[in-house]
Protein backbone atom coordinates (compact mmCIF):
# COMPACT_ATOMS: atom_id res chain seq x y z
CA MET A 1 32.16 -15.27 4.04
CA GLU A 2 29.68 -12.45 4.68
CA TYR A 3 30.16 -8.87 5.72
CA TYR A 4 28.26 -5.68 6.38
CA HIS A 5 28.91 -2.04 7.25
CA GLU A 6 28.50 -1.40 10.95
CA LYS A 7 27.66 2.18 11.85
CA VAL A 8 29.15 2.79 15.29
CA GLU A 9 27.58 5.45 17.49
CA THR A 10 30.02 6.83 20.05
CA GLU A 11 28.91 8.34 23.36
CA ASP A 12 28.38 12.09 23.74
CA LYS A 13 31.49 12.83 25.82
CA ILE A 14 33.60 9.78 24.96
CA PRO A 15 35.02 9.40 21.41
CA ALA A 16 34.51 5.64 21.49
CA ARG A 17 32.05 2.87 22.21
CA ILE A 18 33.07 0.60 25.07
CA PHE A 19 31.32 -2.65 25.89
CA PHE A 20 31.92 -6.00 27.52
CA GLY A 21 31.31 -9.31 25.75
CA GLY A 22 30.34 -12.51 27.45
CA THR A 23 28.65 -15.79 26.71
CA GLY A 24 27.33 -18.79 28.52
CA ARG A 25 27.43 -21.88 26.32
CA ASP A 26 26.46 -19.99 23.21
CA LYS A 27 28.95 -18.70 20.68
CA LEU A 28 29.51 -14.99 20.15
CA ARG A 29 29.82 -14.46 16.40
CA TYR A 30 29.93 -11.34 14.28
CA PRO A 31 29.93 -11.84 10.50
CA MET A 32 32.40 -10.11 8.21
CA HIS A 33 31.80 -6.36 8.44
CA TRP A 34 33.59 -3.01 8.52
CA HIS A 35 33.44 0.39 10.18
CA HIS A 36 35.50 3.56 10.32
CA ASN A 37 36.40 3.06 13.98
CA LEU A 38 39.55 1.32 15.16
CA GLU A 39 38.61 -1.85 17.02
CA PHE A 40 40.36 -3.33 20.05
CA ASP A 41 39.05 -6.65 21.45
CA LEU A 42 40.92 -7.72 24.57
CA VAL A 43 40.24 -11.38 25.42
CA LEU A 44 39.98 -12.09 29.15
CA GLU A 45 38.78 -15.69 28.96
CA GLY A 46 38.09 -18.10 26.11
CA CYS A 47 39.20 -17.51 22.53
CA ILE A 48 38.36 -15.34 19.54
CA ARG A 49 38.94 -16.76 16.08
CA GLY A 50 38.53 -14.37 13.22
CA LYS A 51 39.66 -12.87 9.95
CA ILE A 52 41.05 -9.51 8.97
CA GLY A 53 40.66 -9.41 5.21
CA LYS A 54 41.92 -12.84 4.14
CA ARG A 55 44.23 -13.27 7.13
CA GLU A 56 43.04 -15.71 9.79
CA VAL A 57 43.85 -15.01 13.43
CA GLU A 58 43.30 -16.70 16.79
CA ILE A 59 43.33 -14.57 19.92
CA HIS A 60 43.83 -16.04 23.40
CA PRO A 61 43.48 -14.57 26.92
CA GLY A 62 45.62 -11.47 27.37
CA GLU A 63 45.88 -10.88 23.63
CA ILE A 64 44.22 -8.20 21.48
CA PHE A 65 42.25 -8.54 18.26
CA PHE A 66 43.04 -5.21 16.56
CA VAL A 67 41.39 -3.88 13.40
CA ASN A 68 42.30 -0.75 11.47
CA SER A 69 39.68 1.71 10.25
CA GLY A 70 37.85 0.40 7.18
CA GLU A 71 39.24 -3.14 7.32
CA LEU A 72 36.89 -6.06 6.63
CA HIS A 73 36.88 -8.40 9.59
CA GLU A 74 34.88 -11.06 11.40
CA THR A 75 35.03 -12.65 14.85
CA ASP A 76 33.85 -15.97 16.21
CA GLY A 77 34.25 -16.13 19.97
CA THR A 78 34.01 -19.28 22.04
CA GLY A 79 34.89 -20.46 25.48
CA ALA A 80 37.87 -22.68 26.13
CA GLY A 81 37.67 -25.88 24.10
CA GLY A 82 34.87 -24.49 21.93
CA TYR A 83 32.35 -24.16 24.75
CA GLY A 84 32.05 -22.53 28.16
CA ARG A 85 32.56 -18.83 28.77
CA LEU A 86 34.02 -16.06 26.64
CA ARG A 87 34.81 -12.75 28.31
CA SER A 88 36.20 -9.77 26.45
CA ILE A 89 36.46 -5.98 26.44
CA THR A 90 35.86 -4.09 23.21
CA ILE A 91 36.73 -0.49 22.42
CA LEU A 92 35.60 1.02 19.12
CA LEU A 93 37.67 4.19 18.90
CA SER A 94 36.59 7.00 16.58
CA ASP A 95 39.17 7.62 13.86
CA GLU A 96 38.33 11.32 14.09
CA VAL A 97 40.44 11.56 17.26
CA LEU A 98 43.51 10.37 15.36
CA ARG A 99 42.62 12.44 12.30
CA GLU A 100 42.57 15.59 14.43
CA TYR A 101 46.30 15.19 15.07
CA CYS A 102 47.21 13.32 11.86
CA PRO A 103 45.19 14.79 8.94
CA GLU A 104 46.93 12.42 6.50
CA LEU A 105 45.63 9.41 8.44
CA ASP A 106 44.36 7.64 5.30
CA SER A 107 47.98 7.21 4.18
CA PHE A 108 48.81 5.09 7.23
CA TYR A 109 47.76 1.96 9.08
CA PHE A 110 48.71 0.62 12.52
CA VAL A 111 50.35 -2.62 13.59
CA ILE A 112 50.40 -3.89 17.19
CA GLU A 113 52.94 -6.67 16.79
CA THR A 114 55.43 -6.83 19.67
CA SER A 115 54.73 -8.12 23.16
CA GLY A 116 55.67 -4.70 24.53
CA GLN A 117 53.12 -2.97 22.30
CA GLN A 118 50.46 -5.52 23.27
CA GLU A 119 51.20 -4.96 26.97
CA GLN A 120 51.00 -1.18 26.68
CA ILE A 121 47.66 -1.23 24.84
CA ARG A 122 46.29 -3.96 27.13
CA GLU A 123 46.92 -1.84 30.25
CA LEU A 124 45.24 1.18 28.68
CA ILE A 125 42.19 -0.89 27.65
CA LEU A 126 41.85 -2.25 31.18
CA GLU A 127 42.14 1.27 32.58
CA CYS A 128 39.35 2.48 30.26
CA ALA A 129 37.14 -0.46 31.16
CA GLU A 130 37.57 0.07 34.90
CA LEU A 131 36.72 3.77 34.60
CA TYR A 132 33.71 2.98 32.41
CA GLN A 133 32.36 0.34 34.77
CA LYS A 134 32.73 2.41 37.94
CA LYS A 135 31.43 5.64 36.34
CA GLN A 136 32.66 7.94 39.07
CA GLU A 137 32.57 11.74 38.84
CA PHE A 138 34.22 13.06 35.64
CA TYR A 139 34.76 9.52 34.34
CA GLU A 140 34.09 10.65 30.76
CA LEU A 141 37.01 13.08 30.97
CA GLU A 142 39.28 10.44 32.49
CA ILE A 143 38.37 7.93 29.78
CA SER A 144 38.93 10.51 27.05
CA ILE A 145 42.42 11.16 28.43
CA VAL A 146 43.23 7.44 28.37
CA LEU A 147 41.88 7.14 24.81
CA HIS A 148 44.14 10.00 23.75
CA ARG A 149 47.06 8.12 25.30
CA ILE A 150 46.14 5.15 23.11
CA CYS A 151 46.09 7.43 20.07
CA LEU A 152 49.48 8.89 20.94
CA PHE A 153 50.98 5.43 21.35
CA LEU A 154 49.57 4.29 18.00
CA LEU A 155 50.88 7.35 16.17
CA LYS A 156 54.35 7.21 17.72
CA GLU A 157 54.98 3.46 17.97
CA CYS A 158 52.65 1.56 15.63
CA ARG A 159 52.22 3.69 12.50
CA ARG A 160 53.13 2.29 9.07
CA GLU A 161 52.83 3.93 5.64
CA LYS A 162 50.50 2.29 3.12
CA GLN A 163 52.20 1.11 -0.07
CA ARG A 164 49.99 -0.61 -2.65
CA ASN A 165 51.19 -2.53 -5.70
CA GLU A 166 49.00 -3.10 -8.78
CA ARG A 167 47.44 -6.31 -7.39
CA GLU A 168 46.57 -4.60 -4.12
CA ARG A 169 45.04 -1.68 -6.02
CA ARG A 170 42.74 -4.06 -7.94
CA GLU A 171 41.73 -5.80 -4.71
CA TRP A 172 41.10 -2.43 -3.06
CA LYS A 173 38.83 -1.39 -5.97
CA SER A 174 36.88 -4.67 -5.77
CA THR A 175 36.52 -4.29 -2.00
CA GLY A 176 35.17 -0.79 -2.54
CA ARG A 177 32.39 -2.13 -4.76
CA ILE A 178 31.41 -4.71 -2.16
CA LYS A 179 31.40 -2.05 0.55
CA GLN A 180 29.02 0.01 -1.59
CA ALA A 181 26.60 -2.91 -1.80
CA ILE A 182 26.74 -3.91 1.84
CA THR A 183 26.46 -0.32 3.03
CA TYR A 184 23.14 -0.03 1.17
CA MET A 185 21.97 -3.35 2.66
CA GLU A 186 22.92 -2.23 6.15
CA GLN A 187 21.01 1.01 5.73
CA HIS A 188 17.83 -0.70 4.45
CA TYR A 189 17.77 -4.11 6.16
CA GLU A 190 14.51 -3.28 7.99
CA SER A 191 12.59 -3.14 4.69
CA THR A 192 12.22 -5.43 1.69
CA ILE A 193 15.38 -5.53 -0.47
CA SER A 194 15.30 -7.47 -3.72
CA ILE A 195 18.12 -8.51 -6.04
CA GLY A 196 16.53 -6.29 -8.66
CA ARG A 197 16.77 -3.25 -6.40
CA MET A 198 20.38 -4.06 -5.47
CA ALA A 199 21.31 -4.47 -9.13
CA GLU A 200 19.81 -1.06 -9.85
CA VAL A 201 21.78 0.54 -7.00
CA MET A 202 25.02 -1.05 -8.23
CA GLY A 203 24.41 -0.30 -11.92
CA MET A 204 24.40 -4.00 -12.86
CA THR A 205 21.95 -6.46 -14.32
CA PRO A 206 20.30 -8.76 -11.73
CA SER A 207 22.11 -11.85 -13.04
CA TYR A 208 25.50 -10.12 -13.04
CA PHE A 209 24.95 -8.73 -9.54
CA SER A 210 23.96 -12.17 -8.26
CA ARG A 211 27.19 -13.69 -9.63
CA PHE A 212 29.28 -10.76 -8.43
CA PHE A 213 27.86 -10.98 -4.92
CA ARG A 214 28.36 -14.74 -4.61
CA GLN A 215 31.92 -14.58 -5.97
CA SER A 216 32.79 -11.73 -3.60
CA THR A 217 31.17 -13.04 -0.43
CA GLY A 218 30.97 -16.79 -0.89
CA GLN A 219 27.21 -16.90 -0.34
CA ASN A 220 24.02 -15.79 -2.02
CA PHE A 221 22.38 -12.44 -1.51
CA HIS A 222 19.43 -13.71 0.54
CA SER A 223 21.60 -15.63 3.03
CA TYR A 224 23.79 -12.62 3.56
CA LEU A 225 20.80 -10.35 4.16
CA MET A 226 19.53 -12.78 6.80
CA GLN A 227 22.94 -12.53 8.54
CA ILE A 228 22.61 -8.75 8.75
CA ARG A 229 19.12 -9.04 10.22
CA LEU A 230 20.30 -11.70 12.64
CA CYS A 231 23.07 -9.46 14.00
CA HIS A 232 20.64 -6.62 14.64
CA ALA A 233 18.16 -8.98 16.24
CA GLN A 234 20.86 -10.34 18.57
CA GLN A 235 21.76 -6.80 19.59
CA ALA A 236 18.11 -5.90 20.22
CA LEU A 237 17.57 -9.03 22.32
CA THR A 238 20.61 -8.09 24.42
CA GLU A 239 20.05 -4.35 24.79
CA SER A 240 16.26 -3.84 24.70
CA GLU A 241 13.13 -5.17 26.38
CA ALA A 242 11.15 -5.40 23.13
CA THR A 243 9.25 -8.62 22.51
CA VAL A 244 10.59 -11.23 20.11
CA THR A 245 7.78 -10.41 17.68
CA GLU A 246 8.56 -6.68 17.79
CA ILE A 247 12.25 -7.34 17.19
CA ALA A 248 11.51 -9.68 14.27
CA LEU A 249 9.42 -7.05 12.49
CA ASN A 250 11.79 -4.18 13.32
CA CYS A 251 14.75 -6.14 11.92
CA GLY A 252 13.12 -6.88 8.58
CA PHE A 253 12.04 -10.50 9.06
CA ALA A 254 8.76 -11.40 7.34
CA ASN A 255 7.38 -12.71 10.65
CA VAL A 256 8.52 -14.08 13.99
CA LYS A 257 8.59 -17.65 12.65
CA SER A 258 11.15 -16.63 10.05
CA MET A 259 13.43 -15.12 12.72
CA ILE A 260 13.11 -18.19 14.96
CA GLU A 261 14.18 -20.44 12.07
CA VAL A 262 17.27 -18.30 11.41
CA PHE A 263 18.19 -18.31 15.11
CA LYS A 264 17.89 -22.08 15.35
CA LYS A 265 20.04 -22.54 12.26
CA GLU A 266 22.77 -20.03 13.13
CA CYS A 267 22.76 -20.03 16.95
CA GLY A 268 21.36 -23.45 17.78
CA MET A 269 18.61 -21.96 19.95
CA THR A 270 15.46 -19.84 19.84
CA PRO A 271 15.60 -16.03 20.26
CA ALA A 272 14.02 -16.35 23.74
CA ARG A 273 16.67 -18.82 24.87
CA TYR A 274 19.41 -16.65 23.35
CA ARG A 275 18.19 -13.69 25.41
CA LYS A 276 18.31 -15.76 28.61
CA ALA A 277 21.80 -17.07 27.78
CA ILE A 278 23.36 -13.60 27.82
CA THR A 279 25.20 -13.28 31.13
CA ALA A 280 26.84 -10.42 32.96
CA VAL A 281 30.59 -10.15 32.54
CA LYS A 282 32.77 -10.03 35.65
CA LEU A 283 35.89 -8.00 34.99
CA PRO A 284 39.22 -8.49 36.76
CA PHE A 285 39.17 -5.33 38.87
């Protein structure tokens, strides 16, 4: 298990980030991470397998992978049968919208559990996606209205009060320490980060930090750091026209050869082939 803190930048006039996921024969995988936004992943085709904390989930077409603010989660998306095409719509909704109307938001969490709740949220996600794709006049205002309808539905129909026992409090404290470490790694992945530096940041000895990190994440510090860099490299290959060499250096890899080796190991292909494999997503509108 590995996870990192994802800093989500919302758009100027829309309190969310909206994007469409799609693959050819490659898998679409995001390692264990967390962010303050609420996440909605609506699967259109294929399957998303993932974890929310320690709970494993499998999401099929028409279903929603939902994550509360601050929850550790990971997704591994594949096409039907483990190959083929995955198509999905993701909305990362700023928790500040909910907090504006519910200042005590940290005392609650949300559960989308019934088929009726799934259907209601699914229709609102599709409405947002259609508006975002067409981008007609005043679309930002229209999307913001739909997002506020999602917030209202969550607050009225899906809200639950947090109640922690002693075991959950200990787990919450341990999770907080891990979040502190991975937040630092996420903020400094472009530069050299040593175990010694991480131990200093965490107020631990290097040997203790190494054990703590492996016990908490299930892998060593170096492997986890490579996963963070890989995720940013995948995003850059998808969203920018920078060369593979430029991306390797900007994402903290020692050289382009190092990045190619990580891509072959984790994705089964070179960065150049990965970039070509990204396909446009056709939505059902």
